[in-house]
Amino acid sequence: MRYREFREYRERMNKKILQEGNLDTKRFFSLDSSVYREGKLPSKMKELMGLVASTVMRCNDCIVYHIERCIQEGASDEEIYEALSIALIVGGSITIPHLRYAYEMVEEIRKIHGKSG
């Protein structure tokens, strides 16, 4: 499954980067994690925003990461698909292949984690 391969690869490579990277790299990784924490905006909303940005930027690794986080934060399929509709409007037709990927990953992640959407 593509999702499991992604998770294993991401974990392995992030560990390597953080072990060998410099202070700036470590600070960026820390900032990337902290910005999605609960604040004035709920974490679920932030993850949906991250999903929109990732889709517009056409980053499949980012898309699957944010879908996973959206699901962990309790987003329904309808909320995820609505966010992806915004990404389509902002990003245009060039994002359609990434929408396909996103829909596939929602299904795959839901099957693995057993959380219905």
PDB file of N, CA and C in Angstrom:
ATOM      1  N   MET A   1       0.835  -1.172   0.000  1.00  0.00           N
ATOM      2  CA  MET A   1       0.000   0.000   0.000  1.00  0.00           C
ATOM      3  C   MET A   1       0.884   1.241   0.000  1.00  0.00           C
ATOM      4  N   ARG A   2       0.492   2.184  -0.791  1.00  0.00           N
ATOM      5  CA  ARG A   2       1.305   3.392  -0.926  1.00  0.00           C
ATOM      6  C   ARG A   2       1.400   4.176   0.376  1.00  0.00           C
ATOM      7  N   TYR A   3       0.350   4.184   1.134  1.00  0.00           N
ATOM      8  CA  TYR A   3       0.344   4.926   2.391  1.00  0.00           C
ATOM      9  C   TYR A   3       1.381   4.366   3.365  1.00  0.00           C
ATOM     10  N   ARG A   4       1.416   3.058   3.509  1.00  0.00           N
ATOM     11  CA  ARG A   4       2.380   2.451   4.441  1.00  0.00           C
ATOM     12  C   ARG A   4       3.807   2.680   3.978  1.00  0.00           C
ATOM     13  N   GLU A   5       4.041   2.573   2.684  1.00  0.00           N
ATOM     14  CA  GLU A   5       5.369   2.843   2.149  1.00  0.00           C
ATOM     15  C   GLU A   5       5.776   4.283   2.428  1.00  0.00           C
ATOM     16  N   PHE A   6       4.842   5.195   2.239  1.00  0.00           N
ATOM     17  CA  PHE A   6       5.107   6.606   2.519  1.00  0.00           C
ATOM     18  C   PHE A   6       5.485   6.796   3.987  1.00  0.00           C
ATOM     19  N   ARG A   7       4.703   6.203   4.887  1.00  0.00           N
ATOM     20  CA  ARG A   7       4.955   6.369   6.330  1.00  0.00           C
ATOM     21  C   ARG A   7       6.334   5.861   6.709  1.00  0.00           C
ATOM     22  N   GLU A   8       6.685   4.680   6.221  1.00  0.00           N
ATOM     23  CA  GLU A   8       7.984   4.093   6.557  1.00  0.00           C
ATOM     24  C   GLU A   8       9.126   4.946   6.006  1.00  0.00           C
ATOM     25  N   TYR A   9       8.991   5.370   4.758  1.00  0.00           N
ATOM     26  CA  TYR A   9      10.018   6.196   4.133  1.00  0.00           C
ATOM     27  C   TYR A   9      10.161   7.528   4.862  1.00  0.00           C
ATOM     28  N   ARG A  10       9.043   8.179   5.147  1.00  0.00           N
ATOM     29  CA  ARG A  10       9.062   9.484   5.814  1.00  0.00           C
ATOM     30  C   ARG A  10       9.736   9.371   7.179  1.00  0.00           C
ATOM     31  N   GLU A  11       9.363   8.362   7.949  1.00  0.00           N
ATOM     32  CA  GLU A  11       9.938   8.185   9.276  1.00  0.00           C
ATOM     33  C   GLU A  11      11.449   7.950   9.203  1.00  0.00           C
ATOM     34  N   ARG A  12      11.862   7.074   8.297  1.00  0.00           N
ATOM     35  CA  ARG A  12      13.273   6.745   8.153  1.00  0.00           C
ATOM     36  C   ARG A  12      14.092   7.963   7.722  1.00  0.00           C
ATOM     37  N   MET A  13      13.601   8.684   6.737  1.00  0.00           N
ATOM     38  CA  MET A  13      14.364   9.809   6.208  1.00  0.00           C
ATOM     39  C   MET A  13      14.333  11.020   7.144  1.00  0.00           C
ATOM     40  N   ASN A  14      13.219  11.264   7.809  1.00  0.00           N
ATOM     41  CA  ASN A  14      13.183  12.369   8.780  1.00  0.00           C
ATOM     42  C   ASN A  14      14.172  12.119   9.915  1.00  0.00           C
ATOM     43  N   LYS A  15      14.259  10.864  10.355  1.00  0.00           N
ATOM     44  CA  LYS A  15      15.213  10.523  11.402  1.00  0.00           C
ATOM     45  C   LYS A  15      16.638  10.819  10.935  1.00  0.00           C
ATOM     46  N   LYS A  16      16.932  10.425   9.722  1.00  0.00           N
ATOM     47  CA  LYS A  16      18.273  10.666   9.163  1.00  0.00           C
ATOM     48  C   LYS A  16      18.561  12.163   9.048  1.00  0.00           C
ATOM     49  N   ILE A  17      17.596  12.912   8.538  1.00  0.00           N
ATOM     50  CA  ILE A  17      17.767  14.360   8.378  1.00  0.00           C
ATOM     51  C   ILE A  17      18.006  15.021   9.731  1.00  0.00           C
ATOM     52  N   LEU A  18      17.216  14.640  10.726  1.00  0.00           N
ATOM     53  CA  LEU A  18      17.352  15.266  12.048  1.00  0.00           C
ATOM     54  C   LEU A  18      18.644  14.854  12.751  1.00  0.00           C
ATOM     55  N   GLN A  19      19.140  13.655  12.470  1.00  0.00           N
ATOM     56  CA  GLN A  19      20.412  13.221  13.052  1.00  0.00           C
ATOM     57  C   GLN A  19      21.587  13.957  12.411  1.00  0.00           C
ATOM     58  N   GLU A  20      21.518  14.153  11.109  1.00  0.00           N
ATOM     59  CA  GLU A  20      22.665  14.702  10.386  1.00  0.00           C
ATOM     60  C   GLU A  20      22.514  16.174  10.024  1.00  0.00           C
ATOM     61  N   GLY A  21      21.292  16.696  10.119  1.00  0.00           N
ATOM     62  CA  GLY A  21      21.044  18.076   9.738  1.00  0.00           C
ATOM     63  C   GLY A  21      21.614  19.058  10.737  1.00  0.00           C
ATOM     64  N   ASN A  22      21.697  20.306  10.302  1.00  0.00           N
ATOM     65  CA  ASN A  22      22.226  21.336  11.183  1.00  0.00           C
ATOM     66  C   ASN A  22      21.099  21.966  12.012  1.00  0.00           C
ATOM     67  N   LEU A  23      21.440  22.939  12.815  1.00  0.00           N
ATOM     68  CA  LEU A  23      20.486  23.579  13.712  1.00  0.00           C
ATOM     69  C   LEU A  23      19.343  24.227  12.945  1.00  0.00           C
ATOM     70  N   ASP A  24      19.628  24.837  11.804  1.00  0.00           N
ATOM     71  CA  ASP A  24      18.575  25.465  11.009  1.00  0.00           C
ATOM     72  C   ASP A  24      17.549  24.436  10.536  1.00  0.00           C
ATOM     73  N   THR A  25      18.018  23.283  10.097  1.00  0.00           N
ATOM     74  CA  THR A  25      17.125  22.214   9.663  1.00  0.00           C
ATOM     75  C   THR A  25      16.245  21.761  10.817  1.00  0.00           C
ATOM     76  N   LYS A  26      16.835  21.573  11.970  1.00  0.00           N
ATOM     77  CA  LYS A  26      16.083  21.134  13.148  1.00  0.00           C
ATOM     78  C   LYS A  26      15.069  22.186  13.569  1.00  0.00           C
ATOM     79  N   ARG A  27      15.427  23.448  13.486  1.00  0.00           N
ATOM     80  CA  ARG A  27      14.490  24.525  13.829  1.00  0.00           C
ATOM     81  C   ARG A  27      13.308  24.540  12.857  1.00  0.00           C
ATOM     82  N   PHE A  28      13.582  24.341  11.576  1.00  0.00           N
ATOM     83  CA  PHE A  28      12.492  24.328  10.598  1.00  0.00           C
ATOM     84  C   PHE A  28      11.530  23.188  10.885  1.00  0.00           C
ATOM     85  N   PHE A  29      12.061  22.008  11.138  1.00  0.00           N
ATOM     86  CA  PHE A  29      11.207  20.857  11.450  1.00  0.00           C
ATOM     87  C   PHE A  29      10.362  21.151  12.684  1.00  0.00           C
ATOM     88  N   SER A  30      10.951  21.768  13.691  1.00  0.00           N
ATOM     89  CA  SER A  30      10.227  22.112  14.910  1.00  0.00           C
ATOM     90  C   SER A  30       9.130  23.136  14.628  1.00  0.00           C
ATOM     91  N   LEU A  31       9.437  24.137  13.843  1.00  0.00           N
ATOM     92  CA  LEU A  31       8.456  25.159  13.488  1.00  0.00           C
ATOM     93  C   LEU A  31       7.313  24.540  12.693  1.00  0.00           C
ATOM     94  N   ASP A  32       7.641  23.636  11.769  1.00  0.00           N
ATOM     95  CA  ASP A  32       6.621  22.978  10.962  1.00  0.00           C
ATOM     96  C   ASP A  32       5.644  22.208  11.842  1.00  0.00           C
ATOM     97  N   SER A  33       6.148  21.596  12.900  1.00  0.00           N
ATOM     98  CA  SER A  33       5.266  20.868  13.819  1.00  0.00           C
ATOM     99  C   SER A  33       4.443  21.814  14.685  1.00  0.00           C
ATOM    100  N   SER A  34       5.059  22.857  15.179  1.00  0.00           N
ATOM    101  CA  SER A  34       4.376  23.728  16.143  1.00  0.00           C
ATOM    102  C   SER A  34       3.280  24.582  15.514  1.00  0.00           C
ATOM    103  N   VAL A  35       3.406  24.923  14.256  1.00  0.00           N
ATOM    104  CA  VAL A  35       2.427  25.816  13.630  1.00  0.00           C
ATOM    105  C   VAL A  35       1.043  25.169  13.514  1.00  0.00           C
ATOM    106  N   TYR A  36       0.976  23.844  13.517  1.00  0.00           N
ATOM    107  CA  TYR A  36      -0.297  23.142  13.382  1.00  0.00           C
ATOM    108  C   TYR A  36      -0.948  22.811  14.734  1.00  0.00           C
ATOM    109  N   ARG A  37      -0.315  23.200  15.819  1.00  0.00           N
ATOM    110  CA  ARG A  37      -0.902  22.951  17.141  1.00  0.00           C
ATOM    111  C   ARG A  37      -2.125  23.830  17.367  1.00  0.00           C
ATOM    112  N   GLU A  38      -2.961  23.386  18.285  1.00  0.00           N
ATOM    113  CA  GLU A  38      -4.155  24.132  18.658  1.00  0.00           C
ATOM    114  C   GLU A  38      -3.777  25.551  19.061  1.00  0.00           C
ATOM    115  N   GLY A  39      -4.514  26.509  18.559  1.00  0.00           N
ATOM    116  CA  GLY A  39      -4.308  27.913  18.901  1.00  0.00           C
ATOM    117  C   GLY A  39      -5.628  28.633  18.744  1.00  0.00           C
ATOM    118  N   LYS A  40      -5.593  29.840  18.205  1.00  0.00           N
ATOM    119  CA  LYS A  40      -6.843  30.561  17.917  1.00  0.00           C
ATOM    120  C   LYS A  40      -7.657  29.798  16.882  1.00  0.00           C
ATOM    121  N   LEU A  41      -6.967  29.102  15.985  1.00  0.00           N
ATOM    122  CA  LEU A  41      -7.614  28.199  15.035  1.00  0.00           C
ATOM    123  C   LEU A  41      -7.447  26.769  15.542  1.00  0.00           C
ATOM    124  N   PRO A  42      -8.496  25.963  15.437  1.00  0.00           N
ATOM    125  CA  PRO A  42      -8.368  24.563  15.855  1.00  0.00           C
ATOM    126  C   PRO A  42      -7.385  23.808  14.944  1.00  0.00           C
ATOM    127  N   SER A  43      -6.734  22.806  15.508  1.00  0.00           N
ATOM    128  CA  SER A  43      -5.766  22.008  14.737  1.00  0.00           C
ATOM    129  C   SER A  43      -6.381  21.404  13.491  1.00  0.00           C
ATOM    130  N   LYS A  44      -7.628  20.948  13.584  1.00  0.00           N
ATOM    131  CA  LYS A  44      -8.283  20.359  12.413  1.00  0.00           C
ATOM    132  C   LYS A  44      -8.354  21.371  11.277  1.00  0.00           C
ATOM    133  N   MET A  45      -8.703  22.607  11.584  1.00  0.00           N
ATOM    134  CA  MET A  45      -8.779  23.651  10.566  1.00  0.00           C
ATOM    135  C   MET A  45      -7.400  23.912   9.955  1.00  0.00           C
ATOM    136  N   LYS A  46      -6.391  23.936  10.797  1.00  0.00           N
ATOM    137  CA  LYS A  46      -5.029  24.164  10.305  1.00  0.00           C
ATOM    138  C   LYS A  46      -4.584  23.044   9.369  1.00  0.00           C
ATOM    139  N   GLU A  47      -4.923  21.805   9.722  1.00  0.00           N
ATOM    140  CA  GLU A  47      -4.550  20.669   8.865  1.00  0.00           C
ATOM    141  C   GLU A  47      -5.305  20.717   7.538  1.00  0.00           C
ATOM    142  N   LEU A  48      -6.569  21.123   7.567  1.00  0.00           N
ATOM    143  CA  LEU A  48      -7.317  21.284   6.315  1.00  0.00           C
ATOM    144  C   LEU A  48      -6.696  22.380   5.460  1.00  0.00           C
ATOM    145  N   MET A  49      -6.235  23.456   6.098  1.00  0.00           N
ATOM    146  CA  MET A  49      -5.548  24.513   5.364  1.00  0.00           C
ATOM    147  C   MET A  49      -4.236  23.988   4.767  1.00  0.00           C
ATOM    148  N   GLY A  50      -3.532  23.180   5.543  1.00  0.00           N
ATOM    149  CA  GLY A  50      -2.305  22.563   5.040  1.00  0.00           C
ATOM    150  C   GLY A  50      -2.581  21.659   3.848  1.00  0.00           C
ATOM    151  N   LEU A  51      -3.702  20.949   3.889  1.00  0.00           N
ATOM    152  CA  LEU A  51      -4.098  20.093   2.769  1.00  0.00           C
ATOM    153  C   LEU A  51      -4.365  20.922   1.515  1.00  0.00           C
ATOM    154  N   VAL A  52      -5.063  22.039   1.670  1.00  0.00           N
ATOM    155  CA  VAL A  52      -5.327  22.915   0.525  1.00  0.00           C
ATOM    156  C   VAL A  52      -4.012  23.421  -0.061  1.00  0.00           C
ATOM    157  N   ALA A  53      -3.137  23.935   0.783  1.00  0.00           N
ATOM    158  CA  ALA A  53      -1.854  24.464   0.303  1.00  0.00           C
ATOM    159  C   ALA A  53      -1.037  23.377  -0.377  1.00  0.00           C
ATOM    160  N   SER A  54      -1.020  22.189   0.209  1.00  0.00           N
ATOM    161  CA  SER A  54      -0.245  21.082  -0.369  1.00  0.00           C
ATOM    162  C   SER A  54      -0.775  20.679  -1.734  1.00  0.00           C
ATOM    163  N   THR A  55      -2.086  20.705  -1.888  1.00  0.00           N
ATOM    164  CA  THR A  55      -2.690  20.345  -3.171  1.00  0.00           C
ATOM    165  C   THR A  55      -2.385  21.399  -4.216  1.00  0.00           C
ATOM    166  N   VAL A  56      -2.503  22.654  -3.843  1.00  0.00           N
ATOM    167  CA  VAL A  56      -2.196  23.744  -4.778  1.00  0.00           C
ATOM    168  C   VAL A  56      -0.722  23.677  -5.187  1.00  0.00           C
ATOM    169  N   MET A  57       0.149  23.330  -4.232  1.00  0.00           N
ATOM    170  CA  MET A  57       1.584  23.217  -4.531  1.00  0.00           C
ATOM    171  C   MET A  57       1.932  21.902  -5.237  1.00  0.00           C
ATOM    172  N   ARG A  58       0.948  20.997  -5.321  1.00  0.00           N
ATOM    173  CA  ARG A  58       1.085  19.720  -6.020  1.00  0.00           C
ATOM    174  C   ARG A  58       2.165  18.818  -5.397  1.00  0.00           C
ATOM    175  N   CYS A  59       2.112  18.732  -4.064  1.00  0.00           N
ATOM    176  CA  CYS A  59       3.059  17.896  -3.322  1.00  0.00           C
ATOM    177  C   CYS A  59       2.319  16.685  -2.755  1.00  0.00           C
ATOM    178  N   ASN A  60       2.422  15.545  -3.428  1.00  0.00           N
ATOM    179  CA  ASN A  60       1.698  14.356  -2.978  1.00  0.00           C
ATOM    180  C   ASN A  60       2.127  13.879  -1.594  1.00  0.00           C
ATOM    181  N   ASP A  61       3.415  13.970  -1.266  1.00  0.00           N
ATOM    182  CA  ASP A  61       3.845  13.588   0.074  1.00  0.00           C
ATOM    183  C   ASP A  61       3.155  14.466   1.119  1.00  0.00           C
ATOM    184  N   CYS A  62       3.070  15.749   0.841  1.00  0.00           N
ATOM    185  CA  CYS A  62       2.413  16.683   1.767  1.00  0.00           C
ATOM    186  C   CYS A  62       0.915  16.390   1.846  1.00  0.00           C
ATOM    187  N   ILE A  63       0.324  16.070   0.715  1.00  0.00           N
ATOM    188  CA  ILE A  63      -1.113  15.756   0.680  1.00  0.00           C
ATOM    189  C   ILE A  63      -1.424  14.574   1.589  1.00  0.00           C
ATOM    190  N   VAL A  64      -0.683  13.490   1.446  1.00  0.00           N
ATOM    191  CA  VAL A  64      -0.968  12.303   2.264  1.00  0.00           C
ATOM    192  C   VAL A  64      -0.701  12.600   3.734  1.00  0.00           C
ATOM    193  N   TYR A  65       0.322  13.353   4.029  1.00  0.00           N
ATOM    194  CA  TYR A  65       0.604  13.714   5.418  1.00  0.00           C
ATOM    195  C   TYR A  65      -0.568  14.492   6.016  1.00  0.00           C
ATOM    196  N   HIS A  66      -1.057  15.502   5.294  1.00  0.00           N
ATOM    197  CA  HIS A  66      -2.134  16.321   5.832  1.00  0.00           C
ATOM    198  C   HIS A  66      -3.465  15.575   5.873  1.00  0.00           C
ATOM    199  N   ILE A  67      -3.691  14.667   4.941  1.00  0.00           N
ATOM    200  CA  ILE A  67      -4.903  13.841   5.030  1.00  0.00           C
ATOM    201  C   ILE A  67      -4.850  12.990   6.291  1.00  0.00           C
ATOM    202  N   GLU A  68      -3.717  12.377   6.535  1.00  0.00           N
ATOM    203  CA  GLU A  68      -3.556  11.575   7.751  1.00  0.00           C
ATOM    204  C   GLU A  68      -3.821  12.433   8.988  1.00  0.00           C
ATOM    205  N   ARG A  69      -3.251  13.617   9.034  1.00  0.00           N
ATOM    206  CA  ARG A  69      -3.437  14.505  10.181  1.00  0.00           C
ATOM    207  C   ARG A  69      -4.889  14.986  10.286  1.00  0.00           C
ATOM    208  N   CYS A  70      -5.513  15.295   9.147  1.00  0.00           N
ATOM    209  CA  CYS A  70      -6.924  15.701   9.168  1.00  0.00           C
ATOM    210  C   CYS A  70      -7.781  14.607   9.788  1.00  0.00           C
ATOM    211  N   ILE A  71      -7.535  13.373   9.382  1.00  0.00           N
ATOM    212  CA  ILE A  71      -8.289  12.237   9.919  1.00  0.00           C
ATOM    213  C   ILE A  71      -8.012  12.083  11.413  1.00  0.00           C
ATOM    214  N   GLN A  72      -6.763  12.209  11.817  1.00  0.00           N
ATOM    215  CA  GLN A  72      -6.432  12.119  13.242  1.00  0.00           C
ATOM    216  C   GLN A  72      -7.111  13.219  14.046  1.00  0.00           C
ATOM    217  N   GLU A  73      -7.298  14.381  13.430  1.00  0.00           N
ATOM    218  CA  GLU A  73      -7.943  15.507  14.116  1.00  0.00           C
ATOM    219  C   GLU A  73      -9.465  15.445  14.034  1.00  0.00           C
ATOM    220  N   GLY A  74     -10.005  14.386  13.412  1.00  0.00           N
ATOM    221  CA  GLY A  74     -11.442  14.172  13.398  1.00  0.00           C
ATOM    222  C   GLY A  74     -12.183  14.734  12.201  1.00  0.00           C
ATOM    223  N   ALA A  75     -11.470  15.100  11.146  1.00  0.00           N
ATOM    224  CA  ALA A  75     -12.140  15.620   9.947  1.00  0.00           C
ATOM    225  C   ALA A  75     -12.918  14.515   9.256  1.00  0.00           C
ATOM    226  N   SER A  76     -14.111  14.846   8.830  1.00  0.00           N
ATOM    227  CA  SER A  76     -14.928  13.905   8.067  1.00  0.00           C
ATOM    228  C   SER A  76     -14.470  13.916   6.610  1.00  0.00           C
ATOM    229  N   ASP A  77     -14.886  12.890   5.879  1.00  0.00           N
ATOM    230  CA  ASP A  77     -14.588  12.872   4.450  1.00  0.00           C
ATOM    231  C   ASP A  77     -15.159  14.116   3.786  1.00  0.00           C
ATOM    232  N   GLU A  78     -16.358  14.504   4.182  1.00  0.00           N
ATOM    233  CA  GLU A  78     -16.997  15.674   3.572  1.00  0.00           C
ATOM    234  C   GLU A  78     -16.176  16.936   3.803  1.00  0.00           C
ATOM    235  N   GLU A  79     -15.601  17.084   4.996  1.00  0.00           N
ATOM    236  CA  GLU A  79     -14.752  18.248   5.269  1.00  0.00           C
ATOM    237  C   GLU A  79     -13.480  18.208   4.427  1.00  0.00           C
ATOM    238  N   ILE A  80     -12.898  17.034   4.312  1.00  0.00           N
ATOM    239  CA  ILE A  80     -11.681  16.888   3.502  1.00  0.00           C
ATOM    240  C   ILE A  80     -11.996  17.194   2.041  1.00  0.00           C
ATOM    241  N   TYR A  81     -13.090  16.643   1.526  1.00  0.00           N
ATOM    242  CA  TYR A  81     -13.438  16.863   0.118  1.00  0.00           C
ATOM    243  C   TYR A  81     -13.794  18.321  -0.149  1.00  0.00           C
ATOM    244  N   GLU A  82     -14.409  18.985   0.816  1.00  0.00           N
ATOM    245  CA  GLU A  82     -14.718  20.406   0.654  1.00  0.00           C
ATOM    246  C   GLU A  82     -13.429  21.223   0.593  1.00  0.00           C
ATOM    247  N   ALA A  83     -12.470  20.879   1.442  1.00  0.00           N
ATOM    248  CA  ALA A  83     -11.170  21.553   1.389  1.00  0.00           C
ATOM    249  C   ALA A  83     -10.493  21.314   0.043  1.00  0.00           C
ATOM    250  N   LEU A  84     -10.602  20.096  -0.470  1.00  0.00           N
ATOM    251  CA  LEU A  84     -10.002  19.798  -1.774  1.00  0.00           C
ATOM    252  C   LEU A  84     -10.694  20.563  -2.896  1.00  0.00           C
ATOM    253  N   SER A  85     -11.974  20.862  -2.738  1.00  0.00           N
ATOM    254  CA  SER A  85     -12.679  21.690  -3.726  1.00  0.00           C
ATOM    255  C   SER A  85     -12.098  23.104  -3.751  1.00  0.00           C
ATOM    256  N   ILE A  86     -11.756  23.610  -2.591  1.00  0.00           N
ATOM    257  CA  ILE A  86     -11.112  24.927  -2.528  1.00  0.00           C
ATOM    258  C   ILE A  86      -9.757  24.867  -3.218  1.00  0.00           C
ATOM    259  N   ALA A  87      -9.016  23.806  -2.983  1.00  0.00           N
ATOM    260  CA  ALA A  87      -7.712  23.649  -3.636  1.00  0.00           C
ATOM    261  C   ALA A  87      -7.853  23.625  -5.153  1.00  0.00           C
ATOM    262  N   LEU A  88      -8.891  22.969  -5.645  1.00  0.00           N
ATOM    263  CA  LEU A  88      -9.120  22.916  -7.088  1.00  0.00           C
ATOM    264  C   LEU A  88      -9.387  24.308  -7.649  1.00  0.00           C
ATOM    265  N   ILE A  89     -10.205  25.077  -6.949  1.00  0.00           N
ATOM    266  CA  ILE A  89     -10.507  26.430  -7.421  1.00  0.00           C
ATOM    267  C   ILE A  89      -9.259  27.296  -7.401  1.00  0.00           C
ATOM    268  N   VAL A  90      -8.480  27.211  -6.341  1.00  0.00           N
ATOM    269  CA  VAL A  90      -7.274  28.028  -6.223  1.00  0.00           C
ATOM    270  C   VAL A  90      -6.198  27.557  -7.202  1.00  0.00           C
ATOM    271  N   GLY A  91      -6.011  26.242  -7.288  1.00  0.00           N
ATOM    272  CA  GLY A  91      -4.910  25.698  -8.080  1.00  0.00           C
ATOM    273  C   GLY A  91      -5.229  25.439  -9.540  1.00  0.00           C
ATOM    274  N   GLY A  92      -6.503  25.314  -9.862  1.00  0.00           N
ATOM    275  CA  GLY A  92      -6.889  25.069 -11.242  1.00  0.00           C
ATOM    276  C   GLY A  92      -6.800  23.607 -11.632  1.00  0.00           C
ATOM    277  N   SER A  93      -7.049  23.372 -12.921  1.00  0.00           N
ATOM    278  CA  SER A  93      -7.154  21.999 -13.418  1.00  0.00           C
ATOM    279  C   SER A  93      -5.863  21.202 -13.274  1.00  0.00           C
ATOM    280  N   ILE A  94      -4.732  21.862 -13.128  1.00  0.00           N
ATOM    281  CA  ILE A  94      -3.464  21.140 -12.975  1.00  0.00           C
ATOM    282  C   ILE A  94      -3.423  20.345 -11.664  1.00  0.00           C
ATOM    283  N   THR A  95      -4.322  20.675 -10.731  1.00  0.00           N
ATOM    284  CA  THR A  95      -4.353  19.935  -9.464  1.00  0.00           C
ATOM    285  C   THR A  95      -5.193  18.661  -9.542  1.00  0.00           C
ATOM    286  N   ILE A  96      -5.895  18.432 -10.636  1.00  0.00           N
ATOM    287  CA  ILE A  96      -6.793  17.272 -10.728  1.00  0.00           C
ATOM    288  C   ILE A  96      -6.077  15.938 -10.477  1.00  0.00           C
ATOM    289  N   PRO A  97      -4.878  15.692 -11.036  1.00  0.00           N
ATOM    290  CA  PRO A  97      -4.206  14.432 -10.705  1.00  0.00           C
ATOM    291  C   PRO A  97      -3.935  14.294  -9.204  1.00  0.00           C
ATOM    292  N   HIS A  98      -3.709  15.401  -8.545  1.00  0.00           N
ATOM    293  CA  HIS A  98      -3.445  15.371  -7.106  1.00  0.00           C
ATOM    294  C   HIS A  98      -4.724  15.177  -6.307  1.00  0.00           C
ATOM    295  N   LEU A  99      -5.847  15.642  -6.862  1.00  0.00           N
ATOM    296  CA  LEU A  99      -7.143  15.349  -6.240  1.00  0.00           C
ATOM    297  C   LEU A  99      -7.417  13.845  -6.299  1.00  0.00           C
ATOM    298  N   ARG A 100      -7.111  13.234  -7.435  1.00  0.00           N
ATOM    299  CA  ARG A 100      -7.298  11.780  -7.560  1.00  0.00           C
ATOM    300  C   ARG A 100      -6.495  11.054  -6.484  1.00  0.00           C
ATOM    301  N   TYR A 101      -5.254  11.474  -6.365  1.00  0.00           N
ATOM    302  CA  TYR A 101      -4.369  10.875  -5.365  1.00  0.00           C
ATOM    303  C   TYR A 101      -4.938  11.090  -3.959  1.00  0.00           C
ATOM    304  N   ALA A 102      -5.417  12.283  -3.675  1.00  0.00           N
ATOM    305  CA  ALA A 102      -5.964  12.599  -2.360  1.00  0.00           C
ATOM    306  C   ALA A 102      -7.165  11.722  -2.040  1.00  0.00           C
ATOM    307  N   TYR A 103      -8.077  11.576  -2.979  1.00  0.00           N
ATOM    308  CA  TYR A 103      -9.258  10.736  -2.742  1.00  0.00           C
ATOM    309  C   TYR A 103      -8.834   9.287  -2.488  1.00  0.00           C
ATOM    310  N   GLU A 104      -7.873   8.803  -3.244  1.00  0.00           N
ATOM    311  CA  GLU A 104      -7.367   7.443  -3.044  1.00  0.00           C
ATOM    312  C   GLU A 104      -6.767   7.293  -1.652  1.00  0.00           C
ATOM    313  N   MET A 105      -6.015   8.294  -1.218  1.00  0.00           N
ATOM    314  CA  MET A 105      -5.364   8.218   0.088  1.00  0.00           C
ATOM    315  C   MET A 105      -6.371   8.305   1.230  1.00  0.00           C
ATOM    316  N   VAL A 106      -7.426   9.082   1.074  1.00  0.00           N
ATOM    317  CA  VAL A 106      -8.472   9.126   2.105  1.00  0.00           C
ATOM    318  C   VAL A 106      -9.024   7.712   2.313  1.00  0.00           C
ATOM    319  N   GLU A 107      -9.342   7.035   1.228  1.00  0.00           N
ATOM    320  CA  GLU A 107      -9.871   5.671   1.317  1.00  0.00           C
ATOM    321  C   GLU A 107      -8.869   4.729   1.970  1.00  0.00           C
ATOM    322  N   GLU A 108      -7.614   4.808   1.543  1.00  0.00           N
ATOM    323  CA  GLU A 108      -6.590   3.898   2.052  1.00  0.00           C
ATOM    324  C   GLU A 108      -6.322   4.143   3.539  1.00  0.00           C
ATOM    325  N   ILE A 109      -6.216   5.392   3.930  1.00  0.00           N
ATOM    326  CA  ILE A 109      -5.951   5.714   5.331  1.00  0.00           C
ATOM    327  C   ILE A 109      -7.128   5.313   6.208  1.00  0.00           C
ATOM    328  N   ARG A 110      -8.341   5.542   5.742  1.00  0.00           N
ATOM    329  CA  ARG A 110      -9.521   5.139   6.519  1.00  0.00           C
ATOM    330  C   ARG A 110      -9.546   3.619   6.707  1.00  0.00           C
ATOM    331  N   LYS A 111      -9.191   2.859   5.677  1.00  0.00           N
ATOM    332  CA  LYS A 111      -9.165   1.392   5.793  1.00  0.00           C
ATOM    333  C   LYS A 111      -8.133   0.948   6.831  1.00  0.00           C
ATOM    334  N   ILE A 112      -6.974   1.564   6.815  1.00  0.00           N
ATOM    335  CA  ILE A 112      -5.895   1.157   7.716  1.00  0.00           C
ATOM    336  C   ILE A 112      -6.219   1.540   9.160  1.00  0.00           C
ATOM    337  N   HIS A 113      -6.715   2.739   9.368  1.00  0.00           N
ATOM    338  CA  HIS A 113      -6.963   3.217  10.727  1.00  0.00           C
ATOM    339  C   HIS A 113      -8.359   2.886  11.233  1.00  0.00           C
ATOM    340  N   GLY A 114      -9.210   2.386  10.345  1.00  0.00           N
ATOM    341  CA  GLY A 114     -10.546   1.978  10.765  1.00  0.00           C
ATOM    342  C   GLY A 114     -11.441   3.099  11.230  1.00  0.00           C
ATOM    343  N   LYS A 115     -11.127   4.320  10.828  1.00  0.00           N
ATOM    344  CA  LYS A 115     -11.958   5.457  11.209  1.00  0.00           C
ATOM    345  C   LYS A 115     -12.867   5.799  10.033  1.00  0.00           C
ATOM    346  N   SER A 116     -14.159   5.668  10.226  1.00  0.00           N
ATOM    347  CA  SER A 116     -15.064   6.007   9.137  1.00  0.00           C
ATOM    348  C   SER A 116     -15.181   7.511   9.016  1.00  0.00           C
ATOM    349  N   GLY A 117     -15.471   7.948   7.816  1.00  0.00           N
ATOM    350  CA  GLY A 117     -15.509   9.379   7.585  1.00  0.00           C
ATOM    351  C   GLY A 117     -16.838   9.856   7.212  1.00  0.00           C
TER     352      GLY A 117
END
